Amino acid sequence: MNTLKKDNFVFGFMLGIIFPALLFGIIWIINFTLLKMEAIRFPLDSETHILISSIANLLLVRYYFVNL
């Protein structure tokens, strides 16, 4: 657990940049796949992807601050 210290710059960078970008990519791939399978008629726009990934990141940051 020493690698997840609150003052670790690399872990903060991951929480702030990499995880939201990763979530954005996952949501985009799911949306694109469902659109190609014709399972949905109206795909989500990029603003919605950004909003969903930001909210998920806020939940992750809250969990990080409370439990570590």
PDB file of N, CA and C in Angstrom:
ATOM      1  N   MET A   1       0.808  -1.197   0.000  1.00  0.00           N
ATOM      2  CA  MET A   1       0.000   0.000   0.000  1.00  0.00           C
ATOM      3  C   MET A   1       0.853   1.263   0.000  1.00  0.00           C
ATOM      4  N   ASN A   2       2.155   1.138   0.138  1.00  0.00           N
ATOM      5  CA  ASN A   2       3.003   2.328   0.130  1.00  0.00           C
ATOM      6  C   ASN A   2       3.055   2.994  -1.236  1.00  0.00           C
ATOM      7  N   THR A   3       2.737   2.251  -2.292  1.00  0.00           N
ATOM      8  CA  THR A   3       2.762   2.854  -3.622  1.00  0.00           C
ATOM      9  C   THR A   3       1.563   3.759  -3.857  1.00  0.00           C
ATOM     10  N   LEU A   4       0.539   3.679  -3.032  1.00  0.00           N
ATOM     11  CA  LEU A   4      -0.666   4.493  -3.201  1.00  0.00           C
ATOM     12  C   LEU A   4      -0.742   5.624  -2.176  1.00  0.00           C
ATOM     13  N   LYS A   5       0.376   6.247  -1.880  1.00  0.00           N
ATOM     14  CA  LYS A   5       0.382   7.361  -0.935  1.00  0.00           C
ATOM     15  C   LYS A   5      -0.350   8.555  -1.529  1.00  0.00           C
ATOM     16  N   LYS A   6      -0.947   9.370  -0.671  1.00  0.00           N
ATOM     17  CA  LYS A   6      -1.707  10.524  -1.145  1.00  0.00           C
ATOM     18  C   LYS A   6      -0.828  11.579  -1.795  1.00  0.00           C
ATOM     19  N   ASP A   7       0.434  11.639  -1.460  1.00  0.00           N
ATOM     20  CA  ASP A   7       1.297  12.669  -2.024  1.00  0.00           C
ATOM     21  C   ASP A   7       2.153  12.151  -3.183  1.00  0.00           C
ATOM     22  N   ASN A   8       1.783  11.025  -3.765  1.00  0.00           N
ATOM     23  CA  ASN A   8       2.516  10.454  -4.886  1.00  0.00           C
ATOM     24  C   ASN A   8       2.073  11.137  -6.177  1.00  0.00           C
ATOM     25  N   PHE A   9       3.006  11.773  -6.881  1.00  0.00           N
ATOM     26  CA  PHE A   9       2.701  12.525  -8.098  1.00  0.00           C
ATOM     27  C   PHE A   9       2.196  11.622  -9.216  1.00  0.00           C
ATOM     28  N   VAL A  10       2.793  10.451  -9.361  1.00  0.00           N
ATOM     29  CA  VAL A  10       2.411   9.538 -10.443  1.00  0.00           C
ATOM     30  C   VAL A  10       0.985   9.035 -10.241  1.00  0.00           C
ATOM     31  N   PHE A  11       0.632   8.685  -9.026  1.00  0.00           N
ATOM     32  CA  PHE A  11      -0.727   8.203  -8.770  1.00  0.00           C
ATOM     33  C   PHE A  11      -1.747   9.324  -8.950  1.00  0.00           C
ATOM     34  N   GLY A  12      -1.397  10.526  -8.578  1.00  0.00           N
ATOM     35  CA  GLY A  12      -2.279  11.669  -8.818  1.00  0.00           C
ATOM     36  C   GLY A  12      -2.469  11.936 -10.295  1.00  0.00           C
ATOM     37  N   PHE A  13      -1.407  11.772 -11.068  1.00  0.00           N
ATOM     38  CA  PHE A  13      -1.505  11.926 -12.521  1.00  0.00           C
ATOM     39  C   PHE A  13      -2.424  10.866 -13.110  1.00  0.00           C
ATOM     40  N   MET A  14      -2.305   9.643 -12.605  1.00  0.00           N
ATOM     41  CA  MET A  14      -3.177   8.576 -13.087  1.00  0.00           C
ATOM     42  C   MET A  14      -4.632   8.864 -12.759  1.00  0.00           C
ATOM     43  N   LEU A  15      -4.902   9.326 -11.540  1.00  0.00           N
ATOM     44  CA  LEU A  15      -6.275   9.642 -11.155  1.00  0.00           C
ATOM     45  C   LEU A  15      -6.840  10.793 -11.967  1.00  0.00           C
ATOM     46  N   GLY A  16      -6.019  11.758 -12.284  1.00  0.00           N
ATOM     47  CA  GLY A  16      -6.510  12.952 -12.949  1.00  0.00           C
ATOM     48  C   GLY A  16      -6.574  12.879 -14.454  1.00  0.00           C
ATOM     49  N   ILE A  17      -5.682  12.131 -15.090  1.00  0.00           N
ATOM     50  CA  ILE A  17      -5.602  12.131 -16.553  1.00  0.00           C
ATOM     51  C   ILE A  17      -5.877  10.754 -17.152  1.00  0.00           C
ATOM     52  N   ILE A  18      -5.190   9.747 -16.687  1.00  0.00           N
ATOM     53  CA  ILE A  18      -5.241   8.448 -17.353  1.00  0.00           C
ATOM     54  C   ILE A  18      -6.572   7.735 -17.140  1.00  0.00           C
ATOM     55  N   PHE A  19      -7.086   7.707 -15.912  1.00  0.00           N
ATOM     56  CA  PHE A  19      -8.343   7.007 -15.666  1.00  0.00           C
ATOM     57  C   PHE A  19      -9.526   7.619 -16.406  1.00  0.00           C
ATOM     58  N   PRO A  20      -9.705   8.949 -16.417  1.00  0.00           N
ATOM     59  CA  PRO A  20     -10.813   9.499 -17.214  1.00  0.00           C
ATOM     60  C   PRO A  20     -10.659   9.236 -18.708  1.00  0.00           C
ATOM     61  N   ALA A  21      -9.428   9.302 -19.212  1.00  0.00           N
ATOM     62  CA  ALA A  21      -9.216   9.014 -20.637  1.00  0.00           C
ATOM     63  C   ALA A  21      -9.512   7.548 -20.941  1.00  0.00           C
ATOM     64  N   LEU A  22      -9.133   6.668 -20.043  1.00  0.00           N
ATOM     65  CA  LEU A  22      -9.415   5.251 -20.220  1.00  0.00           C
ATOM     66  C   LEU A  22     -10.919   4.989 -20.182  1.00  0.00           C
ATOM     67  N   LEU A  23     -11.611   5.606 -19.236  1.00  0.00           N
ATOM     68  CA  LEU A  23     -13.063   5.460 -19.163  1.00  0.00           C
ATOM     69  C   LEU A  23     -13.742   6.025 -20.400  1.00  0.00           C
ATOM     70  N   PHE A  24     -13.257   7.156 -20.894  1.00  0.00           N
ATOM     71  CA  PHE A  24     -13.802   7.740 -22.114  1.00  0.00           C
ATOM     72  C   PHE A  24     -13.659   6.765 -23.279  1.00  0.00           C
ATOM     73  N   GLY A  25     -12.499   6.154 -23.399  1.00  0.00           N
ATOM     74  CA  GLY A  25     -12.273   5.191 -24.476  1.00  0.00           C
ATOM     75  C   GLY A  25     -13.160   3.968 -24.368  1.00  0.00           C
ATOM     76  N   ILE A  26     -13.331   3.462 -23.159  1.00  0.00           N
ATOM     77  CA  ILE A  26     -14.190   2.294 -22.959  1.00  0.00           C
ATOM     78  C   ILE A  26     -15.636   2.624 -23.316  1.00  0.00           C
ATOM     79  N   ILE A  27     -16.120   3.771 -22.869  1.00  0.00           N
ATOM     80  CA  ILE A  27     -17.490   4.177 -23.179  1.00  0.00           C
ATOM     81  C   ILE A  27     -17.655   4.393 -24.679  1.00  0.00           C
ATOM     82  N   TRP A  28     -16.656   4.975 -25.318  1.00  0.00           N
ATOM     83  CA  TRP A  28     -16.728   5.212 -26.761  1.00  0.00           C
ATOM     84  C   TRP A  28     -16.781   3.895 -27.533  1.00  0.00           C
ATOM     85  N   ILE A  29     -15.970   2.918 -27.119  1.00  0.00           N
ATOM     86  CA  ILE A  29     -15.960   1.613 -27.785  1.00  0.00           C
ATOM     87  C   ILE A  29     -17.303   0.906 -27.611  1.00  0.00           C
ATOM     88  N   ILE A  30     -17.858   0.944 -26.406  1.00  0.00           N
ATOM     89  CA  ILE A  30     -19.166   0.324 -26.174  1.00  0.00           C
ATOM     90  C   ILE A  30     -20.230   0.998 -27.024  1.00  0.00           C
ATOM     91  N   ASN A  31     -20.222   2.315 -27.057  1.00  0.00           N
ATOM     92  CA  ASN A  31     -21.197   3.059 -27.845  1.00  0.00           C
ATOM     93  C   ASN A  31     -21.051   2.745 -29.332  1.00  0.00           C
ATOM     94  N   PHE A  32     -19.836   2.710 -29.825  1.00  0.00           N
ATOM     95  CA  PHE A  32     -19.581   2.421 -31.236  1.00  0.00           C
ATOM     96  C   PHE A  32     -20.022   1.004 -31.593  1.00  0.00           C
ATOM     97  N   THR A  33     -19.740   0.055 -30.715  1.00  0.00           N
ATOM     98  CA  THR A  33     -20.133  -1.331 -30.956  1.00  0.00           C
ATOM     99  C   THR A  33     -21.648  -1.477 -30.983  1.00  0.00           C
ATOM    100  N   LEU A  34     -22.330  -0.856 -30.032  1.00  0.00           N
ATOM    101  CA  LEU A  34     -23.792  -0.926 -30.015  1.00  0.00           C
ATOM    102  C   LEU A  34     -24.400  -0.251 -31.232  1.00  0.00           C
ATOM    103  N   LEU A  35     -23.786   0.811 -31.698  1.00  0.00           N
ATOM    104  CA  LEU A  35     -24.275   1.493 -32.893  1.00  0.00           C
ATOM    105  C   LEU A  35     -24.107   0.608 -34.131  1.00  0.00           C
ATOM    106  N   LYS A  36     -22.972  -0.071 -34.250  1.00  0.00           N
ATOM    107  CA  LYS A  36     -22.739  -0.950 -35.393  1.00  0.00           C
ATOM    108  C   LYS A  36     -23.634  -2.189 -35.359  1.00  0.00           C
ATOM    109  N   MET A  37     -23.987  -2.649 -34.169  1.00  0.00           N
ATOM    110  CA  MET A  37     -24.885  -3.790 -34.034  1.00  0.00           C
ATOM    111  C   MET A  37     -26.345  -3.375 -34.195  1.00  0.00           C
ATOM    112  N   GLU A  38     -26.574  -2.103 -34.357  1.00  0.00           N
ATOM    113  CA  GLU A  38     -27.905  -1.512 -34.466  1.00  0.00           C
ATOM    114  C   GLU A  38     -28.756  -1.792 -33.229  1.00  0.00           C
ATOM    115  N   ALA A  39     -28.114  -1.841 -32.081  1.00  0.00           N
ATOM    116  CA  ALA A  39     -28.825  -2.031 -30.827  1.00  0.00           C
ATOM    117  C   ALA A  39     -29.353  -0.705 -30.294  1.00  0.00           C
ATOM    118  N   ILE A  40     -28.757   0.402 -30.730  1.00  0.00           N
ATOM    119  CA  ILE A  40     -29.237   1.720 -30.338  1.00  0.00           C
ATOM    120  C   ILE A  40     -29.434   2.561 -31.589  1.00  0.00           C
ATOM    121  N   ARG A  41     -30.390   3.466 -31.524  1.00  0.00           N
ATOM    122  CA  ARG A  41     -30.643   4.335 -32.671  1.00  0.00           C
ATOM    123  C   ARG A  41     -29.869   5.638 -32.573  1.00  0.00           C
ATOM    124  N   PHE A  42     -29.787   6.182 -31.386  1.00  0.00           N
ATOM    125  CA  PHE A  42     -29.147   7.478 -31.192  1.00  0.00           C
ATOM    126  C   PHE A  42     -27.908   7.299 -30.321  1.00  0.00           C
ATOM    127  N   PRO A  43     -26.733   7.426 -30.900  1.00  0.00           N
ATOM    128  CA  PRO A  43     -25.509   7.247 -30.101  1.00  0.00           C
ATOM    129  C   PRO A  43     -25.287   8.431 -29.159  1.00  0.00           C
ATOM    130  N   LEU A  44     -24.506   8.188 -28.134  1.00  0.00           N
ATOM    131  CA  LEU A  44     -24.136   9.258 -27.211  1.00  0.00           C
ATOM    132  C   LEU A  44     -23.118  10.168 -27.882  1.00  0.00           C
ATOM    133  N   ASP A  45     -23.234  11.457 -27.631  1.00  0.00           N
ATOM    134  CA  ASP A  45     -22.251  12.381 -28.197  1.00  0.00           C
ATOM    135  C   ASP A  45     -21.031  12.467 -27.284  1.00  0.00           C
ATOM    136  N   SER A  46     -20.002  13.133 -27.748  1.00  0.00           N
ATOM    137  CA  SER A  46     -18.739  13.163 -26.997  1.00  0.00           C
ATOM    138  C   SER A  46     -18.870  13.924 -25.681  1.00  0.00           C
ATOM    139  N   GLU A  47     -19.765  14.909 -25.613  1.00  0.00           N
ATOM    140  CA  GLU A  47     -19.967  15.622 -24.350  1.00  0.00           C
ATOM    141  C   GLU A  47     -20.512  14.688 -23.275  1.00  0.00           C
ATOM    142  N   THR A  48     -21.388  13.781 -23.668  1.00  0.00           N
ATOM    143  CA  THR A  48     -21.923  12.811 -22.719  1.00  0.00           C
ATOM    144  C   THR A  48     -20.841  11.840 -22.272  1.00  0.00           C
ATOM    145  N   HIS A  49     -19.969  11.435 -23.180  1.00  0.00           N
ATOM    146  CA  HIS A  49     -18.846  10.563 -22.805  1.00  0.00           C
ATOM    147  C   HIS A  49     -17.955  11.256 -21.774  1.00  0.00           C
ATOM    148  N   ILE A  50     -17.663  12.520 -22.015  1.00  0.00           N
ATOM    149  CA  ILE A  50     -16.817  13.278 -21.087  1.00  0.00           C
ATOM    150  C   ILE A  50     -17.489  13.403 -19.731  1.00  0.00           C
ATOM    151  N   LEU A  51     -18.787  13.679 -19.715  1.00  0.00           N
ATOM    152  CA  LEU A  51     -19.520  13.823 -18.459  1.00  0.00           C
ATOM    153  C   LEU A  51     -19.536  12.515 -17.673  1.00  0.00           C
ATOM    154  N   ILE A  52     -19.805  11.416 -18.336  1.00  0.00           N
ATOM    155  CA  ILE A  52     -19.836  10.120 -17.657  1.00  0.00           C
ATOM    156  C   ILE A  52     -18.461   9.758 -17.106  1.00  0.00           C
ATOM    157  N   SER A  53     -17.416   9.965 -17.875  1.00  0.00           N
ATOM    158  CA  SER A  53     -16.075   9.622 -17.392  1.00  0.00           C
ATOM    159  C   SER A  53     -15.634  10.550 -16.263  1.00  0.00           C
ATOM    160  N   SER A  54     -16.054  11.809 -16.284  1.00  0.00           N
ATOM    161  CA  SER A  54     -15.715  12.734 -15.196  1.00  0.00           C
ATOM    162  C   SER A  54     -16.431  12.355 -13.906  1.00  0.00           C
ATOM    163  N   ILE A  55     -17.701  11.989 -14.003  1.00  0.00           N
ATOM    164  CA  ILE A  55     -18.450  11.585 -12.807  1.00  0.00           C
ATOM    165  C   ILE A  55     -17.864  10.307 -12.222  1.00  0.00           C
ATOM    166  N   ALA A  56     -17.523   9.354 -13.075  1.00  0.00           N
ATOM    167  CA  ALA A  56     -16.897   8.127 -12.580  1.00  0.00           C
ATOM    168  C   ALA A  56     -15.559   8.433 -11.912  1.00  0.00           C
ATOM    169  N   ASN A  57     -14.814   9.389 -12.461  1.00  0.00           N
ATOM    170  CA  ASN A  57     -13.541   9.772 -11.860  1.00  0.00           C
ATOM    171  C   ASN A  57     -13.759  10.462 -10.512  1.00  0.00           C
ATOM    172  N   LEU A  58     -14.793  11.264 -10.391  1.00  0.00           N
ATOM    173  CA  LEU A  58     -15.087  11.899  -9.105  1.00  0.00           C
ATOM    174  C   LEU A  58     -15.392  10.855  -8.038  1.00  0.00           C
ATOM    175  N   LEU A  59     -16.130   9.820  -8.399  1.00  0.00           N
ATOM    176  CA  LEU A  59     -16.408   8.751  -7.441  1.00  0.00           C
ATOM    177  C   LEU A  59     -15.125   8.026  -7.040  1.00  0.00           C
ATOM    178  N   LEU A  60     -14.245   7.801  -8.003  1.00  0.00           N
ATOM    179  CA  LEU A  60     -12.964   7.153  -7.711  1.00  0.00           C
ATOM    180  C   LEU A  60     -12.099   8.024  -6.803  1.00  0.00           C
ATOM    181  N   VAL A  61     -12.052   9.316  -7.055  1.00  0.00           N
ATOM    182  CA  VAL A  61     -11.259  10.230  -6.226  1.00  0.00           C
ATOM    183  C   VAL A  61     -11.832  10.302  -4.819  1.00  0.00           C
ATOM    184  N   ARG A  62     -13.153  10.336  -4.694  1.00  0.00           N
ATOM    185  CA  ARG A  62     -13.772  10.361  -3.370  1.00  0.00           C
ATOM    186  C   ARG A  62     -13.417   9.093  -2.595  1.00  0.00           C
ATOM    187  N   TYR A  63     -13.510   7.939  -3.240  1.00  0.00           N
ATOM    188  CA  TYR A  63     -13.142   6.682  -2.598  1.00  0.00           C
ATOM    189  C   TYR A  63     -11.678   6.710  -2.170  1.00  0.00           C
ATOM    190  N   TYR A  64     -10.820   7.245  -3.013  1.00  0.00           N
ATOM    191  CA  TYR A  64      -9.392   7.325  -2.714  1.00  0.00           C
ATOM    192  C   TYR A  64      -9.134   8.201  -1.493  1.00  0.00           C
ATOM    193  N   PHE A  65      -9.767   9.372  -1.433  1.00  0.00           N
ATOM    194  CA  PHE A  65      -9.527  10.286  -0.317  1.00  0.00           C
ATOM    195  C   PHE A  65     -10.103   9.766   0.995  1.00  0.00           C
ATOM    196  N   VAL A  66     -11.218   9.073   0.940  1.00  0.00           N
ATOM    197  CA  VAL A  66     -11.849   8.591   2.164  1.00  0.00           C
ATOM    198  C   VAL A  66     -11.119   7.379   2.728  1.00  0.00           C
ATOM    199  N   ASN A  67     -10.709   6.456   1.875  1.00  0.00           N
ATOM    200  CA  ASN A  67     -10.175   5.183   2.364  1.00  0.00           C
ATOM    201  C   ASN A  67      -8.664   5.111   2.485  1.00  0.00           C
ATOM    202  N   LEU A  68      -7.917   5.995   1.857  1.00  0.00           N
ATOM    203  CA  LEU A  68      -6.462   5.895   1.977  1.00  0.00           C
ATOM    204  C   LEU A  68      -5.893   6.971   2.848  1.00  0.00           C
TER     205      LEU A  68
END
